[in-house]
Amino acid sequence: DHLIVYAGDNDLGDGRNPEEVFIFFQELLEHVHEVFPGIFFSYISVKPSLARKNLLSQIRYTNKLIQQLIEKTGNGHFFVDIYSKMIDAQGNPVPALYDADGLHLSSKGYEVWKEAVLTHISLNVEGSLTRL
């Protein structure tokens, strides 16, 4: 079994700080371990967005905190970096990946996510399952 989670984007958008989002994530991870011991767990990083461009540094910091915890936890826990796949060379969100509101994904944005998640599962999870 494998649980893939995306969370934190709206928390930051609602004014929460990266440390609060990190604490929420820790609580979520603990609860997942209690309810589903031994499950594979992948976290999709908080995405950048045009509408929340003013929060990009907070988003990067949140992702860093969560990634460090996941790497420390290891063993069936994965961080899927979607952030870097959605920015241009200058570090700005790529407009074509968003709907007109600048927040929600366009069909091109969903294609980026689909490719990232399927590649992640293929490279990390399927190989891990065969080693068990």
N, C-alpha and C. Protein backbone atom coordinates (compact mmCIF):
# COMPACT_ATOMS: atom_id res chain seq x y z
N ASP A 1 0.84 -1.18 0.00
CA ASP A 1 0.00 0.00 0.00
C ASP A 1 0.88 1.24 0.00
N HIS A 2 0.33 2.31 -0.56
CA HIS A 2 1.10 3.53 -0.73
C HIS A 2 0.18 4.73 -0.59
N LEU A 3 0.54 5.65 0.27
CA LEU A 3 -0.22 6.88 0.48
C LEU A 3 0.57 8.05 -0.09
N ILE A 4 -0.07 8.81 -0.98
CA ILE A 4 0.55 10.00 -1.55
C ILE A 4 -0.24 11.20 -1.05
N VAL A 5 0.48 12.18 -0.47
CA VAL A 5 -0.17 13.32 0.17
C VAL A 5 0.31 14.62 -0.44
N TYR A 6 -0.63 15.53 -0.64
CA TYR A 6 -0.32 16.92 -0.98
C TYR A 6 -1.02 17.79 0.05
N ALA A 7 -0.26 18.57 0.78
CA ALA A 7 -0.84 19.41 1.83
C ALA A 7 0.07 20.59 2.12
N GLY A 8 -0.50 21.64 2.67
CA GLY A 8 0.27 22.79 3.12
C GLY A 8 0.09 24.04 2.29
N ASP A 9 -0.29 23.89 1.04
CA ASP A 9 -0.44 25.03 0.14
C ASP A 9 -1.46 26.04 0.67
N ASN A 10 -2.65 25.58 0.98
CA ASN A 10 -3.69 26.48 1.46
C ASN A 10 -3.37 27.01 2.86
N ASP A 11 -2.70 26.21 3.67
CA ASP A 11 -2.30 26.70 5.00
C ASP A 11 -1.41 27.93 4.87
N LEU A 12 -0.42 27.86 4.00
CA LEU A 12 0.46 29.01 3.77
C LEU A 12 -0.33 30.16 3.17
N GLY A 13 -1.22 29.85 2.26
CA GLY A 13 -2.06 30.89 1.64
C GLY A 13 -2.98 31.57 2.63
N ASP A 14 -3.35 30.84 3.70
CA ASP A 14 -4.22 31.39 4.74
C ASP A 14 -3.45 32.11 5.84
N GLY A 15 -2.12 32.24 5.67
CA GLY A 15 -1.34 33.01 6.62
C GLY A 15 -0.56 32.20 7.64
N ARG A 16 -0.62 30.89 7.56
CA ARG A 16 0.20 30.07 8.47
C ARG A 16 1.66 30.23 8.08
N ASN A 17 2.56 30.05 9.05
CA ASN A 17 3.98 30.15 8.74
C ASN A 17 4.55 28.75 8.48
N PRO A 18 5.71 28.67 7.87
CA PRO A 18 6.29 27.36 7.54
C PRO A 18 6.44 26.43 8.75
N GLU A 19 6.78 26.97 9.90
CA GLU A 19 6.94 26.12 11.08
C GLU A 19 5.62 25.48 11.49
N GLU A 20 4.51 26.24 11.38
CA GLU A 20 3.20 25.69 11.70
C GLU A 20 2.84 24.57 10.73
N VAL A 21 3.07 24.81 9.45
CA VAL A 21 2.78 23.78 8.44
C VAL A 21 3.62 22.54 8.71
N PHE A 22 4.87 22.73 9.09
CA PHE A 22 5.76 21.62 9.42
C PHE A 22 5.21 20.82 10.60
N ILE A 23 4.74 21.50 11.63
CA ILE A 23 4.16 20.82 12.80
C ILE A 23 2.92 20.03 12.39
N PHE A 24 2.06 20.63 11.54
CA PHE A 24 0.89 19.91 11.04
C PHE A 24 1.33 18.65 10.29
N PHE A 25 2.39 18.78 9.50
CA PHE A 25 2.89 17.64 8.74
C PHE A 25 3.40 16.55 9.68
N GLN A 26 4.16 16.92 10.70
CA GLN A 26 4.65 15.94 11.67
C GLN A 26 3.48 15.19 12.32
N GLU A 27 2.45 15.93 12.69
CA GLU A 27 1.27 15.30 13.30
C GLU A 27 0.59 14.34 12.32
N LEU A 28 0.49 14.75 11.07
CA LEU A 28 -0.10 13.90 10.05
C LEU A 28 0.72 12.62 9.90
N LEU A 29 2.02 12.76 9.82
CA LEU A 29 2.90 11.60 9.63
C LEU A 29 2.78 10.63 10.82
N GLU A 30 2.74 11.16 12.03
CA GLU A 30 2.56 10.32 13.22
C GLU A 30 1.23 9.58 13.16
N HIS A 31 0.17 10.27 12.76
CA HIS A 31 -1.14 9.64 12.67
C HIS A 31 -1.15 8.55 11.60
N VAL A 32 -0.53 8.82 10.47
CA VAL A 32 -0.45 7.81 9.41
C VAL A 32 0.26 6.57 9.91
N HIS A 33 1.36 6.75 10.66
CA HIS A 33 2.09 5.61 11.20
C HIS A 33 1.26 4.80 12.19
N GLU A 34 0.42 5.47 12.95
CA GLU A 34 -0.44 4.78 13.91
C GLU A 34 -1.52 3.97 13.20
N VAL A 35 -2.14 4.57 12.20
CA VAL A 35 -3.27 3.95 11.52
C VAL A 35 -2.83 2.94 10.45
N PHE A 36 -1.73 3.26 9.76
CA PHE A 36 -1.24 2.42 8.67
C PHE A 36 0.24 2.09 8.85
N PRO A 37 0.57 1.31 9.85
CA PRO A 37 2.00 1.02 10.08
C PRO A 37 2.62 0.32 8.87
N GLY A 38 3.81 0.77 8.49
CA GLY A 38 4.53 0.13 7.39
C GLY A 38 4.12 0.58 6.01
N ILE A 39 3.18 1.50 5.89
CA ILE A 39 2.73 1.94 4.57
C ILE A 39 3.81 2.81 3.91
N PHE A 40 3.92 2.72 2.60
CA PHE A 40 4.78 3.63 1.86
C PHE A 40 4.10 5.00 1.88
N PHE A 41 4.90 6.04 2.08
CA PHE A 41 4.36 7.39 2.22
C PHE A 41 5.16 8.34 1.34
N SER A 42 4.47 9.03 0.45
CA SER A 42 5.11 10.04 -0.39
C SER A 42 4.41 11.37 -0.20
N TYR A 43 5.22 12.40 -0.05
CA TYR A 43 4.71 13.76 0.11
C TYR A 43 5.09 14.56 -1.13
N ILE A 44 4.09 15.16 -1.77
CA ILE A 44 4.33 16.03 -2.90
C ILE A 44 4.58 17.43 -2.35
N SER A 45 5.71 18.01 -2.71
CA SER A 45 6.08 19.33 -2.19
C SER A 45 5.00 20.37 -2.50
N VAL A 46 4.98 21.42 -1.68
CA VAL A 46 4.08 22.53 -1.95
C VAL A 46 4.52 23.17 -3.27
N LYS A 47 3.58 23.41 -4.13
CA LYS A 47 3.87 23.97 -5.45
C LYS A 47 4.02 25.49 -5.38
N PRO A 48 4.79 26.05 -6.29
CA PRO A 48 4.78 27.50 -6.43
C PRO A 48 3.52 27.89 -7.19
N SER A 49 3.11 29.13 -7.11
CA SER A 49 2.00 29.58 -7.95
C SER A 49 2.11 31.08 -8.20
N LEU A 50 1.51 31.49 -9.29
CA LEU A 50 1.51 32.91 -9.65
C LEU A 50 0.75 33.72 -8.61
N ALA A 51 -0.37 33.19 -8.15
CA ALA A 51 -1.22 33.90 -7.19
C ALA A 51 -0.55 34.06 -5.83
N ARG A 52 0.39 33.19 -5.52
CA ARG A 52 1.07 33.24 -4.23
C ARG A 52 2.56 33.50 -4.39
N LYS A 53 2.89 34.26 -5.41
CA LYS A 53 4.29 34.56 -5.68
C LYS A 53 4.97 35.22 -4.48
N ASN A 54 4.22 35.99 -3.71
CA ASN A 54 4.76 36.64 -2.52
C ASN A 54 5.13 35.64 -1.42
N LEU A 55 4.70 34.40 -1.57
CA LEU A 55 4.97 33.37 -0.56
C LEU A 55 6.05 32.38 -0.99
N LEU A 56 6.71 32.62 -2.12
CA LEU A 56 7.66 31.63 -2.65
C LEU A 56 8.76 31.28 -1.66
N SER A 57 9.29 32.25 -0.94
CA SER A 57 10.35 31.93 0.03
C SER A 57 9.79 31.08 1.17
N GLN A 58 8.57 31.35 1.61
CA GLN A 58 7.95 30.53 2.65
C GLN A 58 7.66 29.12 2.15
N ILE A 59 7.24 29.02 0.91
CA ILE A 59 6.97 27.71 0.32
C ILE A 59 8.27 26.90 0.24
N ARG A 60 9.33 27.53 -0.23
CA ARG A 60 10.63 26.82 -0.32
C ARG A 60 11.08 26.36 1.07
N TYR A 61 10.93 27.22 2.07
CA TYR A 61 11.35 26.87 3.43
C TYR A 61 10.50 25.73 4.00
N THR A 62 9.21 25.78 3.77
CA THR A 62 8.32 24.70 4.20
C THR A 62 8.74 23.39 3.57
N ASN A 63 8.97 23.42 2.26
CA ASN A 63 9.40 22.21 1.55
C ASN A 63 10.72 21.68 2.12
N LYS A 64 11.64 22.59 2.42
CA LYS A 64 12.94 22.17 2.97
C LYS A 64 12.77 21.47 4.32
N LEU A 65 11.95 22.04 5.20
CA LEU A 65 11.72 21.43 6.52
C LEU A 65 11.14 20.02 6.37
N ILE A 66 10.13 19.91 5.52
CA ILE A 66 9.47 18.62 5.34
C ILE A 66 10.40 17.62 4.66
N GLN A 67 11.14 18.07 3.66
CA GLN A 67 12.08 17.18 2.98
C GLN A 67 13.13 16.63 3.94
N GLN A 68 13.66 17.49 4.79
CA GLN A 68 14.67 17.05 5.77
C GLN A 68 14.11 16.00 6.71
N LEU A 69 12.88 16.18 7.17
CA LEU A 69 12.27 15.19 8.05
C LEU A 69 12.07 13.86 7.32
N ILE A 70 11.59 13.92 6.10
CA ILE A 70 11.36 12.70 5.33
C ILE A 70 12.66 11.96 5.07
N GLU A 71 13.71 12.70 4.71
CA GLU A 71 15.01 12.07 4.47
C GLU A 71 15.56 11.44 5.74
N LYS A 72 15.33 12.08 6.87
CA LYS A 72 15.77 11.53 8.16
C LYS A 72 14.96 10.28 8.52
N THR A 73 13.68 10.30 8.19
CA THR A 73 12.80 9.17 8.50
C THR A 73 13.14 7.98 7.61
N GLY A 74 13.34 8.25 6.30
CA GLY A 74 13.74 7.21 5.35
C GLY A 74 12.77 6.04 5.29
N ASN A 75 13.27 4.89 4.87
CA ASN A 75 12.56 3.62 4.87
C ASN A 75 11.09 3.72 4.44
N GLY A 76 10.88 3.90 3.16
CA GLY A 76 9.52 3.91 2.64
C GLY A 76 8.86 5.27 2.66
N HIS A 77 9.61 6.31 3.01
CA HIS A 77 9.10 7.68 3.01
C HIS A 77 9.82 8.45 1.91
N PHE A 78 9.05 9.19 1.13
CA PHE A 78 9.61 9.87 -0.02
C PHE A 78 9.10 11.30 -0.13
N PHE A 79 9.97 12.17 -0.63
CA PHE A 79 9.63 13.56 -0.92
C PHE A 79 9.63 13.71 -2.43
N VAL A 80 8.51 14.14 -2.98
CA VAL A 80 8.39 14.33 -4.42
C VAL A 80 8.46 15.83 -4.70
N ASP A 81 9.55 16.26 -5.32
CA ASP A 81 9.77 17.67 -5.58
C ASP A 81 9.02 18.10 -6.83
N ILE A 82 7.88 18.74 -6.64
CA ILE A 82 7.12 19.28 -7.75
C ILE A 82 7.49 20.75 -7.98
N TYR A 83 7.97 21.39 -6.92
CA TYR A 83 8.29 22.82 -6.97
C TYR A 83 9.25 23.14 -8.11
N SER A 84 10.36 22.42 -8.15
CA SER A 84 11.39 22.74 -9.16
C SER A 84 10.93 22.45 -10.58
N LYS A 85 9.92 21.64 -10.74
CA LYS A 85 9.40 21.31 -12.07
C LYS A 85 8.42 22.36 -12.58
N MET A 86 8.07 23.32 -11.71
CA MET A 86 7.04 24.31 -12.06
C MET A 86 7.58 25.73 -12.12
N ILE A 87 8.90 25.88 -12.05
CA ILE A 87 9.50 27.22 -12.12
C ILE A 87 10.42 27.32 -13.33
N ASP A 88 10.65 28.54 -13.76
CA ASP A 88 11.56 28.77 -14.88
C ASP A 88 12.98 28.99 -14.35
N ALA A 89 13.89 29.32 -15.25
CA ALA A 89 15.30 29.48 -14.87
C ALA A 89 15.52 30.63 -13.88
N GLN A 90 14.61 31.58 -13.84
CA GLN A 90 14.72 32.69 -12.90
C GLN A 90 14.03 32.42 -11.57
N GLY A 91 13.44 31.24 -11.44
CA GLY A 91 12.77 30.87 -10.19
C GLY A 91 11.33 31.32 -10.09
N ASN A 92 10.75 31.73 -11.21
CA ASN A 92 9.35 32.17 -11.22
C ASN A 92 8.44 31.05 -11.70
N PRO A 93 7.21 31.00 -11.18
CA PRO A 93 6.26 29.99 -11.66
C PRO A 93 6.02 30.15 -13.16
N VAL A 94 5.93 29.03 -13.86
CA VAL A 94 5.68 29.02 -15.31
C VAL A 94 4.19 29.25 -15.55
N PRO A 95 3.79 30.39 -16.15
CA PRO A 95 2.37 30.73 -16.30
C PRO A 95 1.52 29.67 -17.00
N ALA A 96 2.07 28.98 -17.97
CA ALA A 96 1.28 27.99 -18.73
C ALA A 96 0.80 26.82 -17.86
N LEU A 97 1.38 26.67 -16.69
CA LEU A 97 1.02 25.54 -15.82
C LEU A 97 -0.17 25.84 -14.91
N TYR A 98 -0.73 27.06 -15.03
CA TYR A 98 -1.81 27.50 -14.15
C TYR A 98 -3.02 27.96 -14.92
N ASP A 99 -4.18 27.80 -14.29
CA ASP A 99 -5.41 28.37 -14.82
C ASP A 99 -5.34 29.89 -14.73
N ALA A 100 -6.37 30.55 -15.20
CA ALA A 100 -6.41 32.02 -15.22
C ALA A 100 -6.28 32.63 -13.82
N ASP A 101 -6.68 31.89 -12.78
CA ASP A 101 -6.59 32.44 -11.42
C ASP A 101 -5.16 32.46 -10.89
N GLY A 102 -4.23 31.80 -11.59
CA GLY A 102 -2.83 31.79 -11.18
C GLY A 102 -2.54 30.89 -10.00
N LEU A 103 -3.53 30.15 -9.54
CA LEU A 103 -3.37 29.28 -8.39
C LEU A 103 -3.58 27.81 -8.75
N HIS A 104 -4.66 27.53 -9.40
CA HIS A 104 -4.99 26.15 -9.75
C HIS A 104 -4.28 25.73 -11.03
N LEU A 105 -4.07 24.43 -11.16
CA LEU A 105 -3.32 23.90 -12.29
C LEU A 105 -4.14 23.91 -13.58
N SER A 106 -3.45 24.17 -14.67
CA SER A 106 -4.03 24.00 -16.00
C SER A 106 -3.82 22.54 -16.41
N SER A 107 -4.30 22.18 -17.57
CA SER A 107 -4.07 20.80 -18.04
C SER A 107 -2.58 20.54 -18.20
N LYS A 108 -1.80 21.55 -18.62
CA LYS A 108 -0.35 21.38 -18.72
C LYS A 108 0.27 21.18 -17.34
N GLY A 109 -0.26 21.88 -16.35
CA GLY A 109 0.22 21.72 -14.98
C GLY A 109 -0.04 20.31 -14.47
N TYR A 110 -1.23 19.79 -14.75
CA TYR A 110 -1.54 18.42 -14.33
C TYR A 110 -0.66 17.40 -15.04
N GLU A 111 -0.29 17.68 -16.27
CA GLU A 111 0.62 16.78 -16.98
C GLU A 111 1.99 16.73 -16.30
N VAL A 112 2.47 17.89 -15.84
CA VAL A 112 3.74 17.94 -15.11
C VAL A 112 3.64 17.09 -13.83
N TRP A 113 2.54 17.25 -13.11
CA TRP A 113 2.35 16.47 -11.89
C TRP A 113 2.25 14.97 -12.19
N LYS A 114 1.47 14.64 -13.20
CA LYS A 114 1.29 13.23 -13.57
C LYS A 114 2.64 12.58 -13.88
N GLU A 115 3.43 13.25 -14.70
CA GLU A 115 4.74 12.70 -15.05
C GLU A 115 5.64 12.57 -13.81
N ALA A 116 5.63 13.57 -12.95
CA ALA A 116 6.48 13.54 -11.75
C ALA A 116 6.08 12.40 -10.82
N VAL A 117 4.79 12.23 -10.60
CA VAL A 117 4.32 11.19 -9.68
C VAL A 117 4.55 9.80 -10.27
N LEU A 118 4.23 9.62 -11.53
CA LEU A 118 4.45 8.31 -12.16
C LEU A 118 5.93 7.94 -12.20
N THR A 119 6.78 8.92 -12.49
CA THR A 119 8.22 8.66 -12.49
C THR A 119 8.68 8.30 -11.08
N HIS A 120 8.21 9.03 -10.10
CA HIS A 120 8.56 8.75 -8.70
C HIS A 120 8.16 7.32 -8.32
N ILE A 121 6.95 6.94 -8.62
CA ILE A 121 6.48 5.59 -8.28
C ILE A 121 7.32 4.55 -8.99
N SER A 122 7.58 4.77 -10.26
CA SER A 122 8.37 3.82 -11.04
C SER A 122 9.79 3.67 -10.49
N LEU A 123 10.43 4.79 -10.16
CA LEU A 123 11.83 4.74 -9.72
C LEU A 123 12.01 4.36 -8.26
N ASN A 124 11.09 4.77 -7.42
CA ASN A 124 11.28 4.59 -5.98
C ASN A 124 10.41 3.52 -5.35
N VAL A 125 9.14 3.60 -5.61
CA VAL A 125 8.19 2.74 -4.88
C VAL A 125 8.16 1.33 -5.45
N GLU A 126 8.05 1.20 -6.76
CA GLU A 126 7.98 -0.14 -7.33
C GLU A 126 9.23 -0.93 -7.02
N GLY A 127 10.39 -0.28 -7.08
CA GLY A 127 11.64 -0.96 -6.73
C GLY A 127 11.69 -1.36 -5.27
N SER A 128 11.14 -0.51 -4.41
CA SER A 128 11.10 -0.82 -2.98
C SER A 128 10.19 -1.98 -2.69
N LEU A 129 9.08 -2.06 -3.40
CA LEU A 129 8.13 -3.14 -3.19
C LEU A 129 8.73 -4.49 -3.54
N THR A 130 9.55 -4.54 -4.58
CA THR A 130 10.12 -5.81 -4.97
C THR A 130 11.22 -6.26 -4.01
N ARG A 131 11.79 -5.33 -3.24
CA ARG A 131 12.84 -5.70 -2.28
C ARG A 131 12.28 -6.21 -0.97
N LEU A 132 10.99 -5.98 -0.72
CA LEU A 132 10.40 -6.40 0.57
C LEU A 132 10.24 -7.89 0.68
